[in-house]
Each structure stands twice: as structure tokens, then as C-alpha cells.
Amino acid sequence: MKRVFRNLDDKRIAGVCSGIAEYFDIDPVLIRIIFLFALFAGGTGVLVYLICWFIIPPKVSGEVR
């Protein structure tokens, strides 16, 4: 079963964007750009990022997905 985890090995702040990118098998830069666009398009990017930070569990080192 595929699950979303925060990727602590490739993080800038909390690993949310890299974890989401790993789940969808895309480049983390694209997810980061989407969050930045949401930030400047009304400020919802910060709120969504913070919610994801607290809801998405971190990936335990050595965990197989």
C-alpha cells in the first residue's frame, strides 16, 4: 500500500514537498513551485503547508515503502 510520508532526507523546511513529490513520482521542485504560487495567490500555501506538516507522518529512516 502506497502512503505519503514527509521525506526528511530531502527537505527544505519539513520535507512536505519532497514527500508529496515522492508519492506522485515527480520532481520536488514542481511541488515547491505550486506551494509558492499558492502563497502569493492568496496566502493559502502557508496554511496548507502547516496542516500537511502536522498531518503527514515523517518517513522513518530505513523504512521500505
C-alpha atoms as a PDB file:
ATOM      1  CA  MET A   1       0.000   0.000   0.000  1.00  0.00           C
ATOM      2  CA  LYS A   2       1.402   3.384  -1.018  1.00  0.00           C
ATOM      3  CA  ARG A   3       1.365   6.133   1.649  1.00  0.00           C
ATOM      4  CA  VAL A   4       2.501   9.744   1.870  1.00  0.00           C
ATOM      5  CA  PHE A   5       5.389  10.495   4.228  1.00  0.00           C
ATOM      6  CA  ARG A   6       7.438  13.606   4.878  1.00  0.00           C
ATOM      7  CA  ASN A   7      10.859  12.970   3.350  1.00  0.00           C
ATOM      8  CA  LEU A   8      13.392  14.075   5.961  1.00  0.00           C
ATOM      9  CA  ASP A   9      16.371  13.207   3.731  1.00  0.00           C
ATOM     10  CA  ASP A  10      15.441  15.746   1.025  1.00  0.00           C
ATOM     11  CA  LYS A  11      13.849  18.568   2.967  1.00  0.00           C
ATOM     12  CA  ARG A  12      13.998  22.346   2.843  1.00  0.00           C
ATOM     13  CA  ILE A  13      11.723  23.086   5.804  1.00  0.00           C
ATOM     14  CA  ALA A  14       9.835  19.969   6.933  1.00  0.00           C
ATOM     15  CA  GLY A  15      10.003  17.563   3.991  1.00  0.00           C
ATOM     16  CA  VAL A  16       6.365  18.018   2.989  1.00  0.00           C
ATOM     17  CA  CYS A  17       7.004  18.920  -0.650  1.00  0.00           C
ATOM     18  CA  SER A  18       9.587  16.204  -1.247  1.00  0.00           C
ATOM     19  CA  GLY A  19       7.334  13.632   0.408  1.00  0.00           C
ATOM     20  CA  ILE A  20       4.369  14.580  -1.767  1.00  0.00           C
ATOM     21  CA  ALA A  21       6.608  14.578  -4.843  1.00  0.00           C
ATOM     22  CA  GLU A  22       7.933  11.126  -3.971  1.00  0.00           C
ATOM     23  CA  TYR A  23       4.375   9.830  -3.611  1.00  0.00           C
ATOM     24  CA  PHE A  24       3.387  11.126  -7.064  1.00  0.00           C
ATOM     25  CA  ASP A  25       6.821  10.260  -8.543  1.00  0.00           C
ATOM     26  CA  ILE A  26       7.547  13.796  -9.765  1.00  0.00           C
ATOM     27  CA  ASP A  27      10.259  16.379  -9.154  1.00  0.00           C
ATOM     28  CA  PRO A  28      10.001  18.073  -5.712  1.00  0.00           C
ATOM     29  CA  VAL A  29      10.716  21.444  -7.339  1.00  0.00           C
ATOM     30  CA  LEU A  30       7.311  21.313  -9.050  1.00  0.00           C
ATOM     31  CA  ILE A  31       5.526  20.831  -5.722  1.00  0.00           C
ATOM     32  CA  ARG A  32       7.570  23.633  -4.169  1.00  0.00           C
ATOM     33  CA  ILE A  33       6.600  25.949  -7.030  1.00  0.00           C
ATOM     34  CA  ILE A  34       2.925  25.065  -6.530  1.00  0.00           C
ATOM     35  CA  PHE A  35       3.197  25.913  -2.822  1.00  0.00           C
ATOM     36  CA  LEU A  36       4.938  29.210  -3.649  1.00  0.00           C
ATOM     37  CA  PHE A  37       2.257  30.073  -6.181  1.00  0.00           C
ATOM     38  CA  ALA A  38      -0.430  29.315  -3.567  1.00  0.00           C
ATOM     39  CA  LEU A  39       1.441  31.511  -1.095  1.00  0.00           C
ATOM     40  CA  PHE A  40       1.472  34.512  -3.432  1.00  0.00           C
ATOM     41  CA  ALA A  41      -2.021  33.866  -4.806  1.00  0.00           C
ATOM     42  CA  GLY A  42      -3.776  34.466  -1.532  1.00  0.00           C
ATOM     43  CA  GLY A  43      -1.664  33.094   1.291  1.00  0.00           C
ATOM     44  CA  THR A  44      -3.316  29.681   1.449  1.00  0.00           C
ATOM     45  CA  GLY A  45       0.000  27.965   0.703  1.00  0.00           C
ATOM     46  CA  VAL A  46       1.294  28.626   4.209  1.00  0.00           C
ATOM     47  CA  LEU A  47      -1.849  27.274   5.852  1.00  0.00           C
ATOM     48  CA  VAL A  48      -1.925  24.156   3.669  1.00  0.00           C
ATOM     49  CA  TYR A  49       1.797  23.546   4.245  1.00  0.00           C
ATOM     50  CA  LEU A  50       1.419  23.832   8.027  1.00  0.00           C
ATOM     51  CA  ILE A  51      -1.548  21.465   8.046  1.00  0.00           C
ATOM     52  CA  CYS A  52       0.384  18.950   5.936  1.00  0.00           C
ATOM     53  CA  TRP A  53       3.392  19.326   8.243  1.00  0.00           C
ATOM     54  CA  PHE A  54       1.328  18.209  11.240  1.00  0.00           C
ATOM     55  CA  ILE A  55      -0.811  15.573   9.478  1.00  0.00           C
ATOM     56  CA  ILE A  56       1.734  13.755   7.265  1.00  0.00           C
ATOM     57  CA  PRO A  57       3.977  11.477   9.341  1.00  0.00           C
ATOM     58  CA  PRO A  58       7.752  11.525   8.835  1.00  0.00           C
ATOM     59  CA  LYS A  59       9.399   8.677   6.973  1.00  0.00           C
ATOM     60  CA  VAL A  60      11.382   6.590   9.437  1.00  0.00           C
ATOM     61  CA  SER A  61      14.962   6.055   8.260  1.00  0.00           C
ATOM     62  CA  GLY A  62      15.301   2.698   6.503  1.00  0.00           C
ATOM     63  CA  GLU A  63      11.543   2.225   6.102  1.00  0.00           C
ATOM     64  CA  VAL A  64      10.540   0.332   2.981  1.00  0.00           C
ATOM     65  CA  ARG A  65       7.511   1.623   1.108  1.00  0.00           C
END
